[in-house]
């Protein structure tokens, strides 16, 4: 399987975009790219929910946006990432020559994509748990401060009565 180009594209549904957070082109890491979620391959794979294997430039559906220079990309495998019920994104593997991929490559990429999806899902859960712990810590501190001030008021009232 060629390794000239590769992308991990994550879906940001609330913003309606797909961000290629990891993009390798020509063996060089590229900056992240943000595209509308209805841009080409992403929309098609989201709609199908299945991997897409394109063998040559002639097989590209009209109007597709794909990563890498369109003059250089001839074939591709696009695999949805599935983690539980979530569909956080895609693995996009463009090929710089026709017929760069075989049907046998799809199960391996699917396994890797699903493992990445599970890791992303777990990282997001961990991040959410950390936010929740920080929020709870703030609430506990606020409650403690409130309790301390109420106790002081009670002591003050008690001392005034004596």
C-alpha atoms as a PDB file:
ATOM      1  CA  UNK A   1       0.000   0.000   0.000  1.00  0.00           C
ATOM      2  CA  UNK A   2       1.510   3.388  -0.960  1.00  0.00           C
ATOM      3  CA  UNK A   3       2.186   5.965   1.728  1.00  0.00           C
ATOM      4  CA  UNK A   4       2.734   9.181  -0.264  1.00  0.00           C
ATOM      5  CA  UNK A   5      -0.343  10.868   1.130  1.00  0.00           C
ATOM      6  CA  UNK A   6      -2.687  10.303   4.049  1.00  0.00           C
ATOM      7  CA  UNK A   7      -5.208  12.303   6.057  1.00  0.00           C
ATOM      8  CA  UNK A   8      -7.241  11.909   9.191  1.00  0.00           C
ATOM      9  CA  UNK A   9     -10.297  14.105   8.790  1.00  0.00           C
ATOM     10  CA  UNK A  10     -12.555  14.743  11.781  1.00  0.00           C
ATOM     11  CA  UNK A  11     -16.179  15.755  11.511  1.00  0.00           C
ATOM     12  CA  UNK A  12     -17.301  18.840  13.448  1.00  0.00           C
ATOM     13  CA  UNK A  13     -21.060  18.500  12.952  1.00  0.00           C
ATOM     14  CA  UNK A  14     -22.094  21.616  14.933  1.00  0.00           C
ATOM     15  CA  UNK A  15     -19.886  23.787  12.704  1.00  0.00           C
ATOM     16  CA  UNK A  16     -20.742  21.788   9.558  1.00  0.00           C
ATOM     17  CA  UNK A  17     -17.083  21.207   8.678  1.00  0.00           C
ATOM     18  CA  UNK A  18     -14.548  18.428   8.311  1.00  0.00           C
ATOM     19  CA  UNK A  19     -11.031  19.214   9.487  1.00  0.00           C
ATOM     20  CA  UNK A  20      -8.054  17.285   8.167  1.00  0.00           C
ATOM     21  CA  UNK A  21      -6.172  17.337  11.472  1.00  0.00           C
ATOM     22  CA  UNK A  22      -3.399  15.095  10.189  1.00  0.00           C
ATOM     23  CA  UNK A  23      -2.407  15.631   6.584  1.00  0.00           C
ATOM     24  CA  UNK A  24       0.599  14.030   4.921  1.00  0.00           C
ATOM     25  CA  UNK A  25       1.254  14.897   1.268  1.00  0.00           C
ATOM     26  CA  UNK A  26       4.319  13.806  -0.637  1.00  0.00           C
ATOM     27  CA  UNK A  27       5.812  12.484   2.585  1.00  0.00           C
ATOM     28  CA  UNK A  28       5.621  15.941   4.228  1.00  0.00           C
ATOM     29  CA  UNK A  29       3.264  16.927   7.044  1.00  0.00           C
ATOM     30  CA  UNK A  30       0.935  19.723   5.933  1.00  0.00           C
ATOM     31  CA  UNK A  31      -1.097  22.233   7.977  1.00  0.00           C
ATOM     32  CA  UNK A  32      -4.655  21.322   8.896  1.00  0.00           C
ATOM     33  CA  UNK A  33      -7.308  21.964   6.256  1.00  0.00           C
ATOM     34  CA  UNK A  34     -10.943  22.769   7.001  1.00  0.00           C
ATOM     35  CA  UNK A  35     -13.614  21.926   4.413  1.00  0.00           C
ATOM     36  CA  UNK A  36     -17.406  22.025   4.472  1.00  0.00           C
ATOM     37  CA  UNK A  37     -18.801  18.640   5.569  1.00  0.00           C
ATOM     38  CA  UNK A  38     -20.718  18.441   2.308  1.00  0.00           C
ATOM     39  CA  UNK A  39     -17.491  18.640   0.296  1.00  0.00           C
ATOM     40  CA  UNK A  40     -17.107  15.643  -1.932  1.00  0.00           C
ATOM     41  CA  UNK A  41     -15.649  12.472  -0.512  1.00  0.00           C
ATOM     42  CA  UNK A  42     -16.648  13.294   3.050  1.00  0.00           C
ATOM     43  CA  UNK A  43     -20.317  13.735   2.225  1.00  0.00           C
ATOM     44  CA  UNK A  44     -20.359  10.648   0.023  1.00  0.00           C
ATOM     45  CA  UNK A  45     -18.759   8.400   2.657  1.00  0.00           C
ATOM     46  CA  UNK A  46     -21.005   9.871   5.381  1.00  0.00           C
ATOM     47  CA  UNK A  47     -24.047   9.107   3.235  1.00  0.00           C
ATOM     48  CA  UNK A  48     -22.881   5.581   2.355  1.00  0.00           C
ATOM     49  CA  UNK A  49     -21.413   4.775   5.753  1.00  0.00           C
ATOM     50  CA  UNK A  50     -19.032   2.444   3.931  1.00  0.00           C
ATOM     51  CA  UNK A  51     -15.485   2.683   2.606  1.00  0.00           C
ATOM     52  CA  UNK A  52     -15.007   4.137  -0.842  1.00  0.00           C
ATOM     53  CA  UNK A  53     -12.353   2.755  -3.201  1.00  0.00           C
ATOM     54  CA  UNK A  54     -11.485   4.844  -6.265  1.00  0.00           C
ATOM     55  CA  UNK A  55      -9.063   3.192  -8.675  1.00  0.00           C
ATOM     56  CA  UNK A  56      -8.321   5.920 -11.226  1.00  0.00           C
ATOM     57  CA  UNK A  57      -8.912   9.583 -12.041  1.00  0.00           C
ATOM     58  CA  UNK A  58     -11.670   8.460 -14.425  1.00  0.00           C
ATOM     59  CA  UNK A  59     -13.581   6.961 -11.462  1.00  0.00           C
ATOM     60  CA  UNK A  60     -13.724  10.207  -9.446  1.00  0.00           C
ATOM     61  CA  UNK A  61     -17.326  11.398  -9.208  1.00  0.00           C
ATOM     62  CA  UNK A  62     -17.768  14.862 -10.725  1.00  0.00           C
ATOM     63  CA  UNK A  63     -17.284  17.839  -8.443  1.00  0.00           C
ATOM     64  CA  UNK A  64     -15.520  16.027  -5.617  1.00  0.00           C
ATOM     65  CA  UNK A  65     -13.172  17.929  -3.344  1.00  0.00           C
ATOM     66  CA  UNK A  66     -10.259  15.814  -2.260  1.00  0.00           C
ATOM     67  CA  UNK A  67      -7.052  16.394  -0.388  1.00  0.00           C
ATOM     68  CA  UNK A  68      -3.777  16.616  -2.217  1.00  0.00           C
ATOM     69  CA  UNK A  69      -3.293  18.327  -5.546  1.00  0.00           C
ATOM     70  CA  UNK A  70      -6.074  17.128  -7.833  1.00  0.00           C
ATOM     71  CA  UNK A  71      -3.615  16.883 -10.728  1.00  0.00           C
ATOM     72  CA  UNK A  72      -1.536  14.425  -8.685  1.00  0.00           C
ATOM     73  CA  UNK A  73      -4.208  12.272  -7.011  1.00  0.00           C
ATOM     74  CA  UNK A  74      -5.367   9.372  -9.154  1.00  0.00           C
ATOM     75  CA  UNK A  75      -6.824   6.840  -6.745  1.00  0.00           C
ATOM     76  CA  UNK A  76      -8.006   6.778  -3.140  1.00  0.00           C
ATOM     77  CA  UNK A  77      -9.421   4.795  -0.271  1.00  0.00           C
ATOM     78  CA  UNK A  78     -11.700   6.685   2.109  1.00  0.00           C
ATOM     79  CA  UNK A  79     -12.728   4.806   5.241  1.00  0.00           C
ATOM     80  CA  UNK A  80     -15.237   6.052   7.823  1.00  0.00           C
ATOM     81  CA  UNK A  81     -14.047   6.077  11.420  1.00  0.00           C
ATOM     82  CA  UNK A  82     -16.607   4.479  13.722  1.00  0.00           C
ATOM     83  CA  UNK A  83     -16.357   4.538  17.491  1.00  0.00           C
ATOM     84  CA  UNK A  84     -19.479   3.212  19.183  1.00  0.00           C
ATOM     85  CA  UNK A  85     -22.396   5.228  17.872  1.00  0.00           C
ATOM     86  CA  UNK A  86     -20.136   8.123  16.935  1.00  0.00           C
ATOM     87  CA  UNK A  87     -18.734   8.755  13.478  1.00  0.00           C
ATOM     88  CA  UNK A  88     -15.930  11.189  14.245  1.00  0.00           C
ATOM     89  CA  UNK A  89     -14.387  11.277  10.786  1.00  0.00           C
ATOM     90  CA  UNK A  90     -12.547   9.476   8.007  1.00  0.00           C
ATOM     91  CA  UNK A  91      -9.206   8.075   7.057  1.00  0.00           C
ATOM     92  CA  UNK A  92      -8.393   9.404   3.588  1.00  0.00           C
ATOM     93  CA  UNK A  93      -5.630   7.657   1.694  1.00  0.00           C
ATOM     94  CA  UNK A  94      -5.016   9.265  -1.719  1.00  0.00           C
ATOM     95  CA  UNK A  95      -2.859   7.457  -4.231  1.00  0.00           C
ATOM     96  CA  UNK A  96      -0.565   9.312  -6.595  1.00  0.00           C
ATOM     97  CA  UNK A  97      -0.894   6.609  -9.238  1.00  0.00           C
ATOM     98  CA  UNK A  98      -3.874   4.746 -10.697  1.00  0.00           C
ATOM     99  CA  UNK A  99      -4.847   1.453  -9.063  1.00  0.00           C
ATOM    100  CA  UNK A 100      -2.652   2.175  -6.029  1.00  0.00           C
ATOM    101  CA  UNK A 101      -5.021   0.247  -3.760  1.00  0.00           C
ATOM    102  CA  UNK A 102      -6.614  -3.160  -3.726  1.00  0.00           C
ATOM    103  CA  UNK A 103      -9.844  -4.326  -2.152  1.00  0.00           C
ATOM    104  CA  UNK A 104      -7.648  -6.231   0.337  1.00  0.00           C
ATOM    105  CA  UNK A 105      -6.360  -2.891   1.702  1.00  0.00           C
ATOM    106  CA  UNK A 106      -9.825  -1.786   2.839  1.00  0.00           C
ATOM    107  CA  UNK A 107     -10.216  -4.165   5.852  1.00  0.00           C
ATOM    108  CA  UNK A 108      -6.821  -3.131   7.261  1.00  0.00           C
ATOM    109  CA  UNK A 109      -7.612   0.579   6.913  1.00  0.00           C
ATOM    110  CA  UNK A 110     -11.077  -0.023   8.388  1.00  0.00           C
ATOM    111  CA  UNK A 111      -9.556  -1.699  11.448  1.00  0.00           C
ATOM    112  CA  UNK A 112      -7.062   1.154  11.902  1.00  0.00           C
ATOM    113  CA  UNK A 113      -9.803   3.769  11.424  1.00  0.00           C
ATOM    114  CA  UNK A 114     -12.050   2.117  14.004  1.00  0.00           C
ATOM    115  CA  UNK A 115      -9.197   1.892  16.509  1.00  0.00           C
ATOM    116  CA  UNK A 116      -8.441   5.578  15.948  1.00  0.00           C
ATOM    117  CA  UNK A 117     -12.151   6.391  16.386  1.00  0.00           C
ATOM    118  CA  UNK A 118     -12.207   4.552  19.720  1.00  0.00           C
ATOM    119  CA  UNK A 119      -9.080   6.422  20.861  1.00  0.00           C
ATOM    120  CA  UNK A 120     -10.586   9.770  19.821  1.00  0.00           C
ATOM    121  CA  UNK A 121     -13.851   8.903  21.567  1.00  0.00           C
ATOM    122  CA  UNK A 122     -11.972   7.975  24.760  1.00  0.00           C
ATOM    123  CA  UNK A 123      -9.871  11.156  24.602  1.00  0.00           C
ATOM    124  CA  UNK A 124     -13.027  13.251  24.233  1.00  0.00           C
ATOM    125  CA  UNK A 125     -14.637  11.456  27.198  1.00  0.00           C
ATOM    126  CA  UNK A 126     -11.485  12.011  29.262  1.00  0.00           C
ATOM    127  CA  UNK A 127     -11.499  15.703  28.329  1.00  0.00           C
ATOM    128  CA  UNK A 128     -15.191  16.015  29.252  1.00  0.00           C
ATOM    129  CA  UNK A 129     -14.580  14.257  32.586  1.00  0.00           C
ATOM    130  CA  UNK A 130     -11.734  16.684  33.316  1.00  0.00           C
ATOM    131  CA  UNK A 131     -13.983  19.668  32.554  1.00  0.00           C
ATOM    132  CA  UNK A 132     -16.688  18.213  34.789  1.00  0.00           C
ATOM    133  CA  UNK A 133     -14.186  17.647  37.621  1.00  0.00           C
ATOM    134  CA  UNK A 134     -12.966  21.257  37.347  1.00  0.00           C
ATOM    135  CA  UNK A 135     -16.570  22.530  37.370  1.00  0.00           C
ATOM    136  CA  UNK A 136     -17.385  20.423  40.428  1.00  0.00           C
ATOM    137  CA  UNK A 137     -14.260  21.683  42.196  1.00  0.00           C
ATOM    138  CA  UNK A 138     -15.397  25.278  41.619  1.00  0.00           C
ATOM    139  CA  UNK A 139     -18.863  24.423  42.981  1.00  0.00           C
ATOM    140  CA  UNK A 140     -17.406  22.712  46.064  1.00  0.00           C
ATOM    141  CA  UNK A 141     -15.174  25.724  46.763  1.00  0.00           C
ATOM    142  CA  UNK A 142     -18.123  28.089  46.328  1.00  0.00           C
ATOM    143  CA  UNK A 143     -20.261  25.941  48.614  1.00  0.00           C
ATOM    144  CA  UNK A 144     -17.486  25.815  51.229  1.00  0.00           C
ATOM    145  CA  UNK A 145     -17.066  29.591  51.106  1.00  0.00           C
ATOM    146  CA  UNK A 146     -20.817  30.054  51.472  1.00  0.00           C
ATOM    147  CA  UNK A 147     -20.966  27.609  54.383  1.00  0.00           C
ATOM    148  CA  UNK A 148     -18.039  29.306  56.094  1.00  0.00           C
ATOM    149  CA  UNK A 149     -19.709  32.703  55.833  1.00  0.00           C
ATOM    150  CA  UNK A 150     -22.974  31.311  57.206  1.00  0.00           C
ATOM    151  CA  UNK A 151     -21.146  29.714  60.132  1.00  0.00           C
ATOM    152  CA  UNK A 152     -19.417  33.027  60.888  1.00  0.00           C
ATOM    153  CA  UNK A 153     -22.766  34.804  60.840  1.00  0.00           C
ATOM    154  CA  UNK A 154     -24.194  32.213  63.249  1.00  0.00           C
ATOM    155  CA  UNK A 155     -21.221  32.646  65.588  1.00  0.00           C
ATOM    156  CA  UNK A 156     -21.569  36.435  65.436  1.00  0.00           C
ATOM    157  CA  UNK A 157     -25.288  36.249  66.302  1.00  0.00           C
ATOM    158  CA  UNK A 158     -24.597  33.828  69.144  1.00  0.00           C
ATOM    159  CA  UNK A 159     -21.905  36.076  70.632  1.00  0.00           C
ATOM    160  CA  UNK A 160     -24.186  39.122  70.454  1.00  0.00           C
ATOM    161  CA  UNK A 161     -26.881  37.313  72.442  1.00  0.00           C
ATOM    162  CA  UNK A 162     -24.482  36.451  75.284  1.00  0.00           C
END
